[in-house]
Amino acid sequence: MSAAGLVIGIQLLSLHAGGGDLRTLTPGAYVQLESGATAGVYLNSHGRRSVFAGWTLEQGRWALTVGGVSGYPKAPAIPMLVPSYRLDSGLRIGIVPNPFGASVLHFSYEVRR
């Protein structure tokens, strides 16, 4: 299981469950190499810049990204685990589980080369 070609993604927005006063608009960009290596930057739900890096494993339309991300109040870097599903339109819907705060339904748009 690995990425199929180069993926360029634009992060759009995040819907939070149980998070209080968090931003919905979370713009950013990411790249996923054919090897599965993934990295990006975005404006997080706290209004701070976040940088992330990790690895994406894909099986058909399903993917799992595992890595680390910066920019959150809890620590300088925190673990990241994001299962997601890609629609025919290029829209990717991800779920960001957070047992310590707001879980997120995340939306991005991808172009595959």
C-alpha atoms as a PDB file:
ATOM      1  CA  MET A   1       0.000   0.000   0.000  1.00  0.00           C
ATOM      2  CA  SER A   2       1.472   3.321  -1.065  1.00  0.00           C
ATOM      3  CA  ALA A   3       0.585   6.523  -2.839  1.00  0.00           C
ATOM      4  CA  ALA A   4      -0.128   6.435  -6.569  1.00  0.00           C
ATOM      5  CA  GLY A   5       1.942   9.202  -8.174  1.00  0.00           C
ATOM      6  CA  LEU A   6       2.353  12.767  -6.962  1.00  0.00           C
ATOM      7  CA  VAL A   7      -0.548  14.325  -5.037  1.00  0.00           C
ATOM      8  CA  ILE A   8      -0.936  18.070  -4.471  1.00  0.00           C
ATOM      9  CA  GLY A   9      -3.613  18.996  -1.961  1.00  0.00           C
ATOM     10  CA  ILE A  10      -5.318  22.187  -0.829  1.00  0.00           C
ATOM     11  CA  GLN A  11      -6.724  22.135   2.682  1.00  0.00           C
ATOM     12  CA  LEU A  12     -10.096  23.828   2.901  1.00  0.00           C
ATOM     13  CA  LEU A  13     -11.981  23.629   6.189  1.00  0.00           C
ATOM     14  CA  SER A  14     -12.494  21.698   9.390  1.00  0.00           C
ATOM     15  CA  LEU A  15     -15.718  20.983  11.255  1.00  0.00           C
ATOM     16  CA  HIS A  16     -15.169  20.407  14.987  1.00  0.00           C
ATOM     17  CA  ALA A  17     -17.090  18.208  17.410  1.00  0.00           C
ATOM     18  CA  GLY A  18     -16.873  19.431  21.000  1.00  0.00           C
ATOM     19  CA  GLY A  19     -14.199  22.049  20.461  1.00  0.00           C
ATOM     20  CA  GLY A  20     -15.770  25.317  21.499  1.00  0.00           C
ATOM     21  CA  ASP A  21     -14.507  28.457  19.736  1.00  0.00           C
ATOM     22  CA  LEU A  22     -12.311  27.016  16.967  1.00  0.00           C
ATOM     23  CA  ARG A  23     -11.828  28.247  13.396  1.00  0.00           C
ATOM     24  CA  THR A  24     -13.610  26.403  10.592  1.00  0.00           C
ATOM     25  CA  LEU A  25     -11.550  27.905   7.755  1.00  0.00           C
ATOM     26  CA  THR A  26      -8.179  26.112   7.882  1.00  0.00           C
ATOM     27  CA  PRO A  27      -6.444  26.878   4.564  1.00  0.00           C
ATOM     28  CA  GLY A  28      -3.205  25.216   3.617  1.00  0.00           C
ATOM     29  CA  ALA A  29      -1.389  23.024   1.124  1.00  0.00           C
ATOM     30  CA  TYR A  30       0.358  19.668   1.122  1.00  0.00           C
ATOM     31  CA  VAL A  31       2.260  17.340  -1.134  1.00  0.00           C
ATOM     32  CA  GLN A  32       2.325  13.558  -1.121  1.00  0.00           C
ATOM     33  CA  LEU A  33       5.108  11.844  -3.029  1.00  0.00           C
ATOM     34  CA  GLU A  34       4.751   8.540  -4.860  1.00  0.00           C
ATOM     35  CA  SER A  35       6.621   6.884  -1.982  1.00  0.00           C
ATOM     36  CA  GLY A  36       3.903   8.018   0.460  1.00  0.00           C
ATOM     37  CA  ALA A  37       6.028  10.719   2.150  1.00  0.00           C
ATOM     38  CA  THR A  38       3.648  13.583   2.965  1.00  0.00           C
ATOM     39  CA  ALA A  39       4.261  17.168   4.188  1.00  0.00           C
ATOM     40  CA  GLY A  40       2.320  20.400   4.367  1.00  0.00           C
ATOM     41  CA  VAL A  41       1.471  23.650   6.101  1.00  0.00           C
ATOM     42  CA  TYR A  42      -1.873  25.176   7.126  1.00  0.00           C
ATOM     43  CA  LEU A  43      -3.542  27.733   9.381  1.00  0.00           C
ATOM     44  CA  ASN A  44      -4.914  25.601  12.202  1.00  0.00           C
ATOM     45  CA  SER A  45      -8.143  25.910  14.154  1.00  0.00           C
ATOM     46  CA  HIS A  46      -6.419  28.090  16.775  1.00  0.00           C
ATOM     47  CA  GLY A  47      -5.294  30.608  14.138  1.00  0.00           C
ATOM     48  CA  ARG A  48      -1.682  29.400  14.275  1.00  0.00           C
ATOM     49  CA  ARG A  49       0.527  28.066  11.495  1.00  0.00           C
ATOM     50  CA  SER A  50       0.952  24.299  11.606  1.00  0.00           C
ATOM     51  CA  VAL A  51       3.565  22.272   9.742  1.00  0.00           C
ATOM     52  CA  PHE A  52       3.190  18.519   9.378  1.00  0.00           C
ATOM     53  CA  ALA A  53       5.157  15.601   8.000  1.00  0.00           C
ATOM     54  CA  GLY A  54       4.441  11.923   7.844  1.00  0.00           C
ATOM     55  CA  TRP A  55       3.607   8.971   5.692  1.00  0.00           C
ATOM     56  CA  THR A  56       0.413   8.188   3.788  1.00  0.00           C
ATOM     57  CA  LEU A  57      -0.638   4.626   3.037  1.00  0.00           C
ATOM     58  CA  GLU A  58      -3.391   4.223   0.435  1.00  0.00           C
ATOM     59  CA  GLN A  59      -5.672   1.369  -0.502  1.00  0.00           C
ATOM     60  CA  GLY A  60      -7.989   2.426  -3.320  1.00  0.00           C
ATOM     61  CA  ARG A  61      -9.852   5.555  -2.219  1.00  0.00           C
ATOM     62  CA  TRP A  62      -8.998   5.026   1.460  1.00  0.00           C
ATOM     63  CA  ALA A  63      -5.857   6.461   3.037  1.00  0.00           C
ATOM     64  CA  LEU A  64      -4.203   6.661   6.435  1.00  0.00           C
ATOM     65  CA  THR A  65      -1.718   9.450   7.167  1.00  0.00           C
ATOM     66  CA  VAL A  66       0.525   8.995  10.211  1.00  0.00           C
ATOM     67  CA  GLY A  67       3.021  11.604  11.352  1.00  0.00           C
ATOM     68  CA  GLY A  68       3.509  14.669  13.505  1.00  0.00           C
ATOM     69  CA  VAL A  69       2.219  18.236  13.450  1.00  0.00           C
ATOM     70  CA  SER A  70       3.284  21.521  15.101  1.00  0.00           C
ATOM     71  CA  GLY A  71       1.403  24.667  16.079  1.00  0.00           C
ATOM     72  CA  TYR A  72      -0.999  23.489  18.771  1.00  0.00           C
ATOM     73  CA  PRO A  73      -1.146  24.708  22.394  1.00  0.00           C
ATOM     74  CA  LYS A  74      -0.601  21.289  24.059  1.00  0.00           C
ATOM     75  CA  ALA A  75       2.998  20.714  22.876  1.00  0.00           C
ATOM     76  CA  PRO A  76       5.541  21.890  20.281  1.00  0.00           C
ATOM     77  CA  ALA A  77       4.707  18.793  18.184  1.00  0.00           C
ATOM     78  CA  ILE A  78       1.946  16.229  18.546  1.00  0.00           C
ATOM     79  CA  PRO A  79       1.237  12.888  16.840  1.00  0.00           C
ATOM     80  CA  MET A  80      -1.115  12.895  13.868  1.00  0.00           C
ATOM     81  CA  LEU A  81      -3.337  10.025  12.703  1.00  0.00           C
ATOM     82  CA  VAL A  82      -5.788  10.821   9.896  1.00  0.00           C
ATOM     83  CA  PRO A  83      -7.911   8.213   8.122  1.00  0.00           C
ATOM     84  CA  SER A  84      -9.560   9.626   4.983  1.00  0.00           C
ATOM     85  CA  TYR A  85     -11.603   8.857   1.873  1.00  0.00           C
ATOM     86  CA  ARG A  86     -11.260  10.436  -1.611  1.00  0.00           C
ATOM     87  CA  LEU A  87     -14.336  11.122  -3.757  1.00  0.00           C
ATOM     88  CA  ASP A  88     -14.370  11.082  -7.599  1.00  0.00           C
ATOM     89  CA  SER A  89     -14.411  14.891  -7.578  1.00  0.00           C
ATOM     90  CA  GLY A  90     -10.984  15.060  -5.889  1.00  0.00           C
ATOM     91  CA  LEU A  91     -12.504  16.047  -2.548  1.00  0.00           C
ATOM     92  CA  ARG A  92     -10.876  14.173   0.356  1.00  0.00           C
ATOM     93  CA  ILE A  93     -12.744  13.821   3.652  1.00  0.00           C
ATOM     94  CA  GLY A  94     -10.656  13.026   6.707  1.00  0.00           C
ATOM     95  CA  ILE A  95     -11.406  12.298  10.330  1.00  0.00           C
ATOM     96  CA  VAL A  96      -8.962  13.618  12.908  1.00  0.00           C
ATOM     97  CA  PRO A  97      -9.684  11.838  16.196  1.00  0.00           C
ATOM     98  CA  ASN A  98      -8.747  13.750  19.328  1.00  0.00           C
ATOM     99  CA  PRO A  99      -9.441  12.055  22.679  1.00  0.00           C
ATOM    100  CA  PHE A 100      -8.261  15.195  24.558  1.00  0.00           C
ATOM    101  CA  GLY A 101     -10.274  17.874  22.738  1.00  0.00           C
ATOM    102  CA  ALA A 102     -12.227  18.483  19.548  1.00  0.00           C
ATOM    103  CA  SER A 103     -12.344  15.753  16.944  1.00  0.00           C
ATOM    104  CA  VAL A 104     -12.450  17.056  13.381  1.00  0.00           C
ATOM    105  CA  LEU A 105     -14.105  16.302  10.066  1.00  0.00           C
ATOM    106  CA  HIS A 106     -11.601  17.757   7.592  1.00  0.00           C
ATOM    107  CA  PHE A 107     -12.041  18.618   3.901  1.00  0.00           C
ATOM    108  CA  SER A 108      -9.354  19.049   1.254  1.00  0.00           C
ATOM    109  CA  TYR A 109      -9.122  18.961  -2.540  1.00  0.00           C
ATOM    110  CA  GLU A 110      -6.468  16.915  -4.352  1.00  0.00           C
ATOM    111  CA  VAL A 111      -4.903  16.881  -7.792  1.00  0.00           C
ATOM    112  CA  ARG A 112      -3.121  13.674  -8.737  1.00  0.00           C
ATOM    113  CA  ARG A 113      -0.315  13.537 -11.322  1.00  0.00           C
END
